[in-house]
Amino acid sequence: MLFKLDLEKYNFKEYKAFDVNLISIDPRVRDMCAQNLCGFYGRNHMCPPSIKEIDEWKKEIFNFNNAIMVTKVYQAESSYDIEAMIEGSKDFQKTLSGLREELSNEYSYSDFLLLGAGACLICEKCSILDDKPCRFPDKAFPSVEACGIDVMSLSKKAGVKYNNGKNTITYFAIIFYN
């Protein structure tokens, strides 16, 4: 598959192709989710412990030969600006949802994998809280970290800027493809 989408239209700060072999998947990264600092651990279908185990992610991720890391940067009033973080997260997820829809129109789901940032926010209330299956399994996507990938380390290896300045929030996603 040749990746032929126009990523410019998504207003990403950066998008950069990199070799999948730069990725190391570490269960300790995913284990940080269990600290539940975000409040979604066990409360979202796309978060641990509900998603696949690390070994399954390794198999799936390394089935792909290519990857593109994309970022979007959002301004905040301070590093504690929770409102800006939430709004940025919602906008980033909306962008990734549009990207995923375009990818699924162009390719079959087995031809690509999209990993996003943070918990899935498609539904106002995740159906996991009612002990029901995901309402939109073809639209939802887990976060890079929930799959055991250290974004900070990978961004350095891939040549993607991790810190974009004072009072900014940078969100990362990865598109895997062959």
N, C-alpha and C. Protein backbone atom coordinates (compact mmCIF):
# COMPACT_ATOMS: atom_id res chain seq x y z
N MET A 1 0.84 -1.18 0.00
CA MET A 1 0.00 0.00 0.00
C MET A 1 0.89 1.24 0.00
N LEU A 2 0.61 2.16 -0.85
CA LEU A 2 1.28 3.44 -0.83
C LEU A 2 0.40 4.42 -0.08
N PHE A 3 0.97 5.11 0.87
CA PHE A 3 0.19 6.05 1.65
C PHE A 3 -0.01 7.30 0.80
N LYS A 4 -1.26 7.60 0.47
CA LYS A 4 -1.51 8.69 -0.47
C LYS A 4 -2.53 9.71 0.02
N LEU A 5 -2.65 9.87 1.30
CA LEU A 5 -3.58 10.88 1.82
C LEU A 5 -2.87 12.22 1.95
N ASP A 6 -3.63 13.27 1.80
CA ASP A 6 -3.12 14.63 1.95
C ASP A 6 -3.20 15.01 3.43
N LEU A 7 -2.09 14.87 4.13
CA LEU A 7 -2.07 15.18 5.56
C LEU A 7 -2.04 16.68 5.83
N GLU A 8 -1.71 17.47 4.84
CA GLU A 8 -1.69 18.93 5.00
C GLU A 8 -3.03 19.47 5.47
N LYS A 9 -4.10 18.92 4.94
CA LYS A 9 -5.43 19.47 5.23
C LYS A 9 -5.86 19.29 6.69
N TYR A 10 -5.14 18.45 7.44
CA TYR A 10 -5.49 18.22 8.84
C TYR A 10 -4.81 19.21 9.79
N ASN A 11 -4.01 20.09 9.24
CA ASN A 11 -3.32 21.12 10.04
C ASN A 11 -2.46 20.54 11.15
N PHE A 12 -1.80 19.43 10.88
CA PHE A 12 -0.86 18.89 11.85
C PHE A 12 0.34 19.81 11.95
N LYS A 13 0.88 19.93 13.13
CA LYS A 13 2.12 20.70 13.31
C LYS A 13 3.25 19.99 12.58
N GLU A 14 3.32 18.68 12.80
CA GLU A 14 4.31 17.86 12.11
C GLU A 14 3.68 16.55 11.70
N TYR A 15 4.20 15.98 10.65
CA TYR A 15 3.94 14.59 10.30
C TYR A 15 5.19 14.06 9.66
N LYS A 16 5.63 12.94 10.19
CA LYS A 16 6.92 12.43 9.75
C LYS A 16 6.88 10.91 9.69
N ALA A 17 7.28 10.36 8.55
CA ALA A 17 7.38 8.92 8.38
C ALA A 17 8.62 8.42 9.12
N PHE A 18 8.53 7.22 9.67
CA PHE A 18 9.67 6.62 10.35
C PHE A 18 9.57 5.11 10.25
N ASP A 19 10.68 4.46 10.50
CA ASP A 19 10.76 3.00 10.45
C ASP A 19 10.12 2.42 11.72
N VAL A 20 9.22 1.49 11.53
CA VAL A 20 8.52 0.87 12.67
C VAL A 20 9.51 0.24 13.65
N ASN A 21 10.67 -0.16 13.17
CA ASN A 21 11.66 -0.79 14.05
C ASN A 21 12.25 0.16 15.08
N LEU A 22 11.95 1.45 14.97
CA LEU A 22 12.37 2.41 16.00
C LEU A 22 11.54 2.25 17.27
N ILE A 23 10.41 1.59 17.15
CA ILE A 23 9.48 1.47 18.28
C ILE A 23 9.94 0.36 19.23
N SER A 24 9.88 0.68 20.50
CA SER A 24 10.00 -0.37 21.52
C SER A 24 8.72 -0.31 22.33
N ILE A 25 8.17 -1.47 22.56
CA ILE A 25 6.92 -1.56 23.32
C ILE A 25 7.27 -2.08 24.71
N ASP A 26 6.93 -1.27 25.70
CA ASP A 26 7.33 -1.55 27.07
C ASP A 26 6.09 -1.63 27.96
N PRO A 27 5.89 -2.77 28.61
CA PRO A 27 4.72 -2.89 29.49
C PRO A 27 4.69 -1.84 30.60
N ARG A 28 5.85 -1.31 30.98
CA ARG A 28 5.89 -0.30 32.05
C ARG A 28 5.19 0.99 31.63
N VAL A 29 5.22 1.29 30.32
CA VAL A 29 4.52 2.48 29.83
C VAL A 29 3.03 2.29 30.03
N ARG A 30 2.54 1.14 29.61
CA ARG A 30 1.11 0.84 29.79
C ARG A 30 0.75 0.74 31.26
N ASP A 31 1.66 0.21 32.08
CA ASP A 31 1.39 0.09 33.51
C ASP A 31 1.13 1.44 34.16
N MET A 32 1.68 2.51 33.58
CA MET A 32 1.44 3.85 34.13
C MET A 32 -0.04 4.21 34.06
N CYS A 33 -0.74 3.61 33.08
CA CYS A 33 -2.18 3.86 32.97
C CYS A 33 -2.92 3.41 34.25
N ALA A 34 -2.41 2.36 34.87
CA ALA A 34 -3.07 1.82 36.07
C ALA A 34 -3.05 2.82 37.23
N GLN A 35 -2.18 3.81 37.17
CA GLN A 35 -2.18 4.85 38.20
C GLN A 35 -3.43 5.71 38.09
N ASN A 36 -4.08 5.64 36.94
CA ASN A 36 -5.36 6.30 36.68
C ASN A 36 -5.34 7.82 36.90
N LEU A 37 -4.26 8.45 36.50
CA LEU A 37 -4.17 9.91 36.64
C LEU A 37 -5.20 10.62 35.77
N CYS A 38 -5.59 9.99 34.66
CA CYS A 38 -6.56 10.62 33.76
C CYS A 38 -8.00 10.28 34.14
N GLY A 39 -8.19 9.24 34.95
CA GLY A 39 -9.53 8.85 35.37
C GLY A 39 -10.25 7.90 34.44
N PHE A 40 -9.57 7.39 33.41
CA PHE A 40 -10.23 6.52 32.44
C PHE A 40 -9.84 5.05 32.56
N TYR A 41 -8.91 4.72 33.41
CA TYR A 41 -8.49 3.32 33.56
C TYR A 41 -9.70 2.48 33.99
N GLY A 42 -10.01 1.48 33.16
CA GLY A 42 -11.17 0.63 33.44
C GLY A 42 -12.50 1.30 33.19
N ARG A 43 -12.47 2.51 32.65
CA ARG A 43 -13.70 3.28 32.43
C ARG A 43 -13.89 3.67 30.97
N ASN A 44 -13.11 3.04 30.07
CA ASN A 44 -13.18 3.36 28.66
C ASN A 44 -12.76 2.13 27.87
N HIS A 45 -13.50 1.78 26.85
CA HIS A 45 -13.18 0.59 26.05
C HIS A 45 -11.81 0.67 25.38
N MET A 46 -11.30 1.86 25.16
CA MET A 46 -10.02 2.01 24.47
C MET A 46 -8.86 2.23 25.42
N CYS A 47 -9.09 1.99 26.70
CA CYS A 47 -8.05 2.13 27.71
C CYS A 47 -7.82 0.80 28.41
N PRO A 48 -6.63 0.65 29.01
CA PRO A 48 -6.41 -0.55 29.83
C PRO A 48 -7.39 -0.56 30.99
N PRO A 49 -7.73 -1.68 31.48
CA PRO A 49 -7.31 -3.02 31.06
C PRO A 49 -8.19 -3.60 29.95
N SER A 50 -9.06 -2.79 29.35
CA SER A 50 -10.04 -3.29 28.38
C SER A 50 -9.45 -3.62 27.01
N ILE A 51 -8.36 -2.98 26.64
CA ILE A 51 -7.80 -3.22 25.31
C ILE A 51 -6.88 -4.44 25.32
N LYS A 52 -6.39 -4.79 24.15
CA LYS A 52 -5.52 -5.96 23.99
C LYS A 52 -4.32 -5.90 24.92
N GLU A 53 -3.75 -7.07 25.17
CA GLU A 53 -2.54 -7.16 25.98
C GLU A 53 -1.34 -6.70 25.14
N ILE A 54 -0.25 -6.36 25.82
CA ILE A 54 0.96 -5.85 25.18
C ILE A 54 1.47 -6.79 24.09
N ASP A 55 1.51 -8.08 24.34
CA ASP A 55 2.00 -9.02 23.32
C ASP A 55 1.16 -8.99 22.06
N GLU A 56 -0.14 -8.80 22.20
CA GLU A 56 -1.01 -8.70 21.03
C GLU A 56 -0.73 -7.41 20.26
N TRP A 57 -0.48 -6.32 20.98
CA TRP A 57 -0.14 -5.06 20.32
C TRP A 57 1.18 -5.18 19.57
N LYS A 58 2.15 -5.85 20.19
CA LYS A 58 3.44 -6.05 19.52
C LYS A 58 3.23 -6.74 18.18
N LYS A 59 2.48 -7.83 18.18
CA LYS A 59 2.22 -8.57 16.94
C LYS A 59 1.54 -7.68 15.91
N GLU A 60 0.53 -6.95 16.34
CA GLU A 60 -0.21 -6.12 15.40
C GLU A 60 0.64 -4.97 14.85
N ILE A 61 1.33 -4.28 15.72
CA ILE A 61 2.14 -3.13 15.31
C ILE A 61 3.27 -3.56 14.38
N PHE A 62 3.96 -4.64 14.73
CA PHE A 62 5.11 -5.06 13.92
C PHE A 62 4.70 -5.85 12.69
N ASN A 63 3.40 -5.96 12.44
CA ASN A 63 2.90 -6.48 11.17
C ASN A 63 3.00 -5.42 10.08
N PHE A 64 3.18 -4.17 10.49
CA PHE A 64 3.28 -3.05 9.57
C PHE A 64 4.75 -2.70 9.35
N ASN A 65 5.04 -2.22 8.16
CA ASN A 65 6.42 -1.85 7.81
C ASN A 65 6.69 -0.37 7.98
N ASN A 66 5.65 0.44 7.93
CA ASN A 66 5.81 1.89 7.92
C ASN A 66 4.93 2.55 8.96
N ALA A 67 5.35 3.74 9.33
CA ALA A 67 4.56 4.51 10.29
C ALA A 67 4.77 6.00 10.04
N ILE A 68 3.76 6.75 10.39
CA ILE A 68 3.85 8.21 10.34
C ILE A 68 3.38 8.73 11.69
N MET A 69 4.22 9.57 12.31
CA MET A 69 3.83 10.22 13.56
C MET A 69 3.28 11.59 13.18
N VAL A 70 2.13 11.93 13.74
CA VAL A 70 1.52 13.23 13.51
C VAL A 70 1.33 13.94 14.85
N THR A 71 1.43 15.26 14.81
CA THR A 71 1.22 16.04 16.04
C THR A 71 0.37 17.26 15.75
N LYS A 72 -0.30 17.69 16.79
CA LYS A 72 -0.98 18.98 16.79
C LYS A 72 -0.62 19.68 18.09
N VAL A 73 -0.45 20.98 18.02
CA VAL A 73 -0.04 21.76 19.18
C VAL A 73 -1.14 22.76 19.52
N TYR A 74 -1.43 22.86 20.80
CA TYR A 74 -2.47 23.76 21.29
C TYR A 74 -1.88 24.71 22.33
N GLN A 75 -2.35 25.94 22.30
CA GLN A 75 -1.91 26.96 23.26
C GLN A 75 -2.69 26.78 24.57
N ALA A 76 -2.02 27.10 25.66
CA ALA A 76 -2.64 27.07 26.98
C ALA A 76 -2.19 28.31 27.75
N GLU A 77 -2.96 28.67 28.75
CA GLU A 77 -2.58 29.83 29.57
C GLU A 77 -1.43 29.49 30.51
N SER A 78 -1.36 28.23 30.92
CA SER A 78 -0.28 27.76 31.79
C SER A 78 -0.17 26.25 31.62
N SER A 79 0.81 25.67 32.28
CA SER A 79 0.96 24.21 32.19
C SER A 79 -0.11 23.49 33.02
N TYR A 80 -0.92 24.24 33.74
CA TYR A 80 -2.01 23.65 34.54
C TYR A 80 -3.38 23.96 33.94
N ASP A 81 -3.43 24.40 32.72
CA ASP A 81 -4.67 24.80 32.07
C ASP A 81 -5.45 23.57 31.61
N ILE A 82 -6.19 22.98 32.52
CA ILE A 82 -6.94 21.76 32.26
C ILE A 82 -7.98 21.97 31.16
N GLU A 83 -8.62 23.11 31.14
CA GLU A 83 -9.62 23.40 30.12
C GLU A 83 -9.01 23.35 28.72
N ALA A 84 -7.82 23.93 28.56
CA ALA A 84 -7.13 23.90 27.26
C ALA A 84 -6.75 22.47 26.89
N MET A 85 -6.35 21.68 27.88
CA MET A 85 -6.00 20.28 27.63
C MET A 85 -7.21 19.50 27.13
N ILE A 86 -8.34 19.70 27.78
CA ILE A 86 -9.57 18.99 27.39
C ILE A 86 -10.02 19.42 26.01
N GLU A 87 -10.04 20.72 25.76
CA GLU A 87 -10.45 21.22 24.45
C GLU A 87 -9.49 20.76 23.35
N GLY A 88 -8.20 20.79 23.65
CA GLY A 88 -7.21 20.31 22.69
C GLY A 88 -7.39 18.83 22.40
N SER A 89 -7.63 18.06 23.45
CA SER A 89 -7.84 16.62 23.28
C SER A 89 -9.06 16.33 22.42
N LYS A 90 -10.14 17.06 22.68
CA LYS A 90 -11.36 16.87 21.89
C LYS A 90 -11.12 17.23 20.42
N ASP A 91 -10.43 18.34 20.18
CA ASP A 91 -10.14 18.74 18.80
C ASP A 91 -9.23 17.72 18.11
N PHE A 92 -8.23 17.24 18.83
CA PHE A 92 -7.31 16.26 18.24
C PHE A 92 -8.05 14.97 17.90
N GLN A 93 -8.92 14.53 18.81
CA GLN A 93 -9.70 13.32 18.54
C GLN A 93 -10.63 13.52 17.34
N LYS A 94 -11.20 14.71 17.22
CA LYS A 94 -12.06 15.01 16.07
C LYS A 94 -11.23 14.94 14.78
N THR A 95 -10.04 15.50 14.82
CA THR A 95 -9.15 15.44 13.66
C THR A 95 -8.82 14.00 13.31
N LEU A 96 -8.46 13.21 14.32
CA LEU A 96 -8.11 11.81 14.08
C LEU A 96 -9.31 11.00 13.60
N SER A 97 -10.49 11.34 14.07
CA SER A 97 -11.70 10.65 13.59
C SER A 97 -11.90 10.91 12.10
N GLY A 98 -11.68 12.14 11.67
CA GLY A 98 -11.77 12.47 10.26
C GLY A 98 -10.72 11.74 9.45
N LEU A 99 -9.52 11.67 9.98
CA LEU A 99 -8.43 10.95 9.33
C LEU A 99 -8.76 9.47 9.22
N ARG A 100 -9.25 8.90 10.31
CA ARG A 100 -9.60 7.47 10.30
C ARG A 100 -10.70 7.19 9.28
N GLU A 101 -11.68 8.07 9.21
CA GLU A 101 -12.76 7.89 8.23
C GLU A 101 -12.20 7.92 6.81
N GLU A 102 -11.32 8.87 6.55
CA GLU A 102 -10.72 8.94 5.22
C GLU A 102 -9.88 7.70 4.93
N LEU A 103 -9.11 7.25 5.91
CA LEU A 103 -8.32 6.03 5.74
C LEU A 103 -9.21 4.83 5.44
N SER A 104 -10.32 4.72 6.19
CA SER A 104 -11.19 3.55 6.00
C SER A 104 -11.94 3.61 4.67
N ASN A 105 -12.11 4.79 4.10
CA ASN A 105 -12.71 4.91 2.78
C ASN A 105 -11.73 4.49 1.69
N GLU A 106 -10.45 4.70 1.96
CA GLU A 106 -9.40 4.43 0.97
C GLU A 106 -8.83 3.02 1.09
N TYR A 107 -8.76 2.50 2.32
CA TYR A 107 -8.10 1.22 2.58
C TYR A 107 -8.98 0.35 3.48
N SER A 108 -8.70 -0.95 3.48
CA SER A 108 -9.42 -1.82 4.42
C SER A 108 -8.78 -1.66 5.80
N TYR A 109 -9.53 -2.02 6.84
CA TYR A 109 -9.04 -1.85 8.21
C TYR A 109 -7.78 -2.66 8.47
N SER A 110 -7.56 -3.73 7.74
CA SER A 110 -6.35 -4.53 7.95
C SER A 110 -5.12 -3.87 7.32
N ASP A 111 -5.32 -2.82 6.51
CA ASP A 111 -4.21 -2.14 5.84
C ASP A 111 -3.60 -1.01 6.66
N PHE A 112 -4.23 -0.64 7.76
CA PHE A 112 -3.69 0.45 8.58
C PHE A 112 -4.10 0.28 10.03
N LEU A 113 -3.40 0.97 10.89
CA LEU A 113 -3.72 1.03 12.31
C LEU A 113 -3.47 2.46 12.75
N LEU A 114 -4.44 3.02 13.44
CA LEU A 114 -4.31 4.39 13.96
C LEU A 114 -4.33 4.34 15.47
N LEU A 115 -3.30 4.88 16.09
CA LEU A 115 -3.24 5.02 17.55
C LEU A 115 -3.25 6.51 17.86
N GLY A 116 -4.07 6.90 18.82
CA GLY A 116 -4.24 8.31 19.13
C GLY A 116 -3.62 8.71 20.45
N ALA A 117 -4.21 9.71 21.07
CA ALA A 117 -3.73 10.25 22.34
C ALA A 117 -4.87 10.25 23.35
N GLY A 118 -4.61 9.68 24.50
CA GLY A 118 -5.61 9.69 25.56
C GLY A 118 -6.77 8.75 25.32
N ALA A 119 -7.74 8.86 26.18
CA ALA A 119 -8.93 8.01 26.12
C ALA A 119 -9.80 8.38 24.92
N CYS A 120 -10.54 7.42 24.43
CA CYS A 120 -11.50 7.67 23.36
C CYS A 120 -12.60 8.60 23.90
N LEU A 121 -12.95 9.60 23.10
CA LEU A 121 -13.97 10.56 23.53
C LEU A 121 -15.15 10.62 22.57
N ILE A 122 -15.32 9.57 21.75
CA ILE A 122 -16.41 9.57 20.78
C ILE A 122 -17.76 9.70 21.47
N CYS A 123 -17.95 8.92 22.51
CA CYS A 123 -19.21 8.95 23.26
C CYS A 123 -19.06 9.82 24.50
N GLU A 124 -20.12 10.52 24.83
CA GLU A 124 -20.09 11.33 26.05
C GLU A 124 -19.88 10.45 27.28
N LYS A 125 -20.53 9.27 27.25
CA LYS A 125 -20.37 8.29 28.32
C LYS A 125 -20.06 6.95 27.67
N CYS A 126 -18.90 6.39 27.99
CA CYS A 126 -18.49 5.11 27.40
C CYS A 126 -19.44 4.00 27.85
N SER A 127 -19.79 3.15 26.91
CA SER A 127 -20.72 2.05 27.21
C SER A 127 -20.13 1.01 28.16
N ILE A 128 -18.83 1.06 28.38
CA ILE A 128 -18.22 0.13 29.34
C ILE A 128 -18.78 0.35 30.74
N LEU A 129 -19.19 1.58 31.02
CA LEU A 129 -19.74 1.91 32.34
C LEU A 129 -21.08 1.24 32.59
N ASP A 130 -21.74 0.84 31.51
CA ASP A 130 -23.01 0.10 31.61
C ASP A 130 -22.81 -1.37 31.28
N ASP A 131 -21.54 -1.80 31.28
CA ASP A 131 -21.19 -3.19 30.99
C ASP A 131 -21.70 -3.65 29.62
N LYS A 132 -21.58 -2.75 28.64
CA LYS A 132 -22.02 -3.03 27.27
C LYS A 132 -20.83 -2.89 26.33
N PRO A 133 -20.90 -3.53 25.16
CA PRO A 133 -19.80 -3.42 24.19
C PRO A 133 -19.68 -2.00 23.63
N CYS A 134 -18.54 -1.73 23.03
CA CYS A 134 -18.28 -0.44 22.40
C CYS A 134 -19.31 -0.19 21.32
N ARG A 135 -19.87 1.02 21.32
CA ARG A 135 -20.89 1.39 20.32
C ARG A 135 -20.29 1.61 18.93
N PHE A 136 -19.03 2.02 18.89
CA PHE A 136 -18.39 2.38 17.62
C PHE A 136 -17.00 1.75 17.49
N PRO A 137 -16.92 0.43 17.49
CA PRO A 137 -15.60 -0.20 17.43
C PRO A 137 -14.81 0.12 16.16
N ASP A 138 -15.50 0.48 15.08
CA ASP A 138 -14.80 0.83 13.83
C ASP A 138 -14.35 2.28 13.80
N LYS A 139 -14.73 3.05 14.79
CA LYS A 139 -14.34 4.46 14.86
C LYS A 139 -13.39 4.74 16.02
N ALA A 140 -13.45 3.94 17.04
CA ALA A 140 -12.64 4.15 18.24
C ALA A 140 -11.20 3.71 18.00
N PHE A 141 -10.28 4.32 18.72
CA PHE A 141 -8.88 3.92 18.64
C PHE A 141 -8.21 4.17 19.98
N PRO A 142 -7.29 3.27 20.37
CA PRO A 142 -6.59 3.44 21.65
C PRO A 142 -5.46 4.46 21.53
N SER A 143 -4.91 4.80 22.67
CA SER A 143 -3.78 5.74 22.68
C SER A 143 -2.47 5.00 22.44
N VAL A 144 -1.49 5.76 22.00
CA VAL A 144 -0.15 5.23 21.77
C VAL A 144 0.38 4.62 23.06
N GLU A 145 0.25 5.34 24.17
CA GLU A 145 0.79 4.87 25.45
C GLU A 145 0.07 3.62 25.97
N ALA A 146 -1.23 3.53 25.74
CA ALA A 146 -1.98 2.36 26.20
C ALA A 146 -1.49 1.09 25.53
N CYS A 147 -0.83 1.26 24.39
CA CYS A 147 -0.27 0.11 23.66
C CYS A 147 1.19 -0.13 24.06
N GLY A 148 1.70 0.65 25.01
CA GLY A 148 3.05 0.43 25.55
C GLY A 148 4.15 1.22 24.85
N ILE A 149 3.80 2.21 24.06
CA ILE A 149 4.80 2.99 23.33
C ILE A 149 5.09 4.29 24.08
N ASP A 150 6.36 4.50 24.38
CA ASP A 150 6.80 5.73 25.05
C ASP A 150 6.92 6.83 24.00
N VAL A 151 5.97 7.75 24.00
CA VAL A 151 5.90 8.81 22.99
C VAL A 151 7.14 9.71 23.04
N MET A 152 7.59 10.06 24.23
CA MET A 152 8.73 10.96 24.34
C MET A 152 9.97 10.34 23.68
N SER A 153 10.25 9.11 24.01
CA SER A 153 11.41 8.42 23.45
C SER A 153 11.27 8.24 21.94
N LEU A 154 10.11 7.80 21.49
CA LEU A 154 9.90 7.57 20.06
C LEU A 154 9.97 8.87 19.26
N SER A 155 9.43 9.95 19.81
CA SER A 155 9.46 11.22 19.07
C SER A 155 10.90 11.65 18.83
N LYS A 156 11.77 11.45 19.80
CA LYS A 156 13.19 11.79 19.63
C LYS A 156 13.81 10.93 18.53
N LYS A 157 13.55 9.62 18.58
CA LYS A 157 14.11 8.71 17.58
C LYS A 157 13.59 9.03 16.18
N ALA A 158 12.32 9.42 16.09
CA ALA A 158 11.69 9.69 14.80
C ALA A 158 11.95 11.10 14.29
N GLY A 159 12.56 11.94 15.15
CA GLY A 159 12.85 13.32 14.75
C GLY A 159 11.65 14.24 14.77
N VAL A 160 10.72 13.96 15.68
CA VAL A 160 9.52 14.79 15.84
C VAL A 160 9.65 15.55 17.15
N LYS A 161 9.38 16.84 17.09
CA LYS A 161 9.52 17.70 18.26
C LYS A 161 8.52 17.31 19.35
N TYR A 162 9.02 17.06 20.56
CA TYR A 162 8.16 16.66 21.67
C TYR A 162 7.63 17.89 22.42
N ASN A 163 8.51 18.83 22.70
CA ASN A 163 8.13 20.03 23.44
C ASN A 163 8.07 21.19 22.45
N ASN A 164 6.92 21.81 22.34
CA ASN A 164 6.73 22.89 21.37
C ASN A 164 6.63 24.26 22.02
N GLY A 165 7.25 24.42 23.17
CA GLY A 165 7.33 25.72 23.80
C GLY A 165 6.48 25.85 25.05
N LYS A 166 6.73 26.95 25.74
CA LYS A 166 6.03 27.23 26.99
C LYS A 166 4.53 27.39 26.72
N ASN A 167 3.74 26.87 27.64
CA ASN A 167 2.28 26.97 27.59
C ASN A 167 1.69 26.39 26.30
N THR A 168 2.25 25.25 25.90
CA THR A 168 1.68 24.52 24.77
C THR A 168 1.41 23.08 25.19
N ILE A 169 0.48 22.47 24.51
CA ILE A 169 0.14 21.06 24.71
C ILE A 169 0.28 20.40 23.34
N THR A 170 1.08 19.35 23.29
CA THR A 170 1.28 18.64 22.03
C THR A 170 0.66 17.26 22.13
N TYR A 171 -0.19 16.94 21.17
CA TYR A 171 -0.81 15.63 21.09
C TYR A 171 -0.19 14.86 19.93
N PHE A 172 0.03 13.56 20.14
CA PHE A 172 0.69 12.69 19.18
C PHE A 172 -0.23 11.56 18.77
N ALA A 173 -0.10 11.13 17.52
CA ALA A 173 -0.78 9.93 17.02
C ALA A 173 0.16 9.25 16.05
N ILE A 174 -0.10 7.97 15.80
CA ILE A 174 0.71 7.22 14.85
C ILE A 174 -0.22 6.47 13.91
N ILE A 175 0.11 6.56 12.62
CA ILE A 175 -0.59 5.80 11.59
C ILE A 175 0.39 4.72 11.12
N PHE A 176 0.00 3.46 11.24
CA PHE A 176 0.81 2.34 10.76
C PHE A 176 0.21 1.85 9.45
N TYR A 177 1.09 1.48 8.50
CA TYR A 177 0.61 0.99 7.20
C TYR A 177 1.72 0.18 6.53
N ASN A 178 1.34 -0.56 5.49
CA ASN A 178 2.32 -1.32 4.69
C ASN A 178 2.44 -0.69 3.31
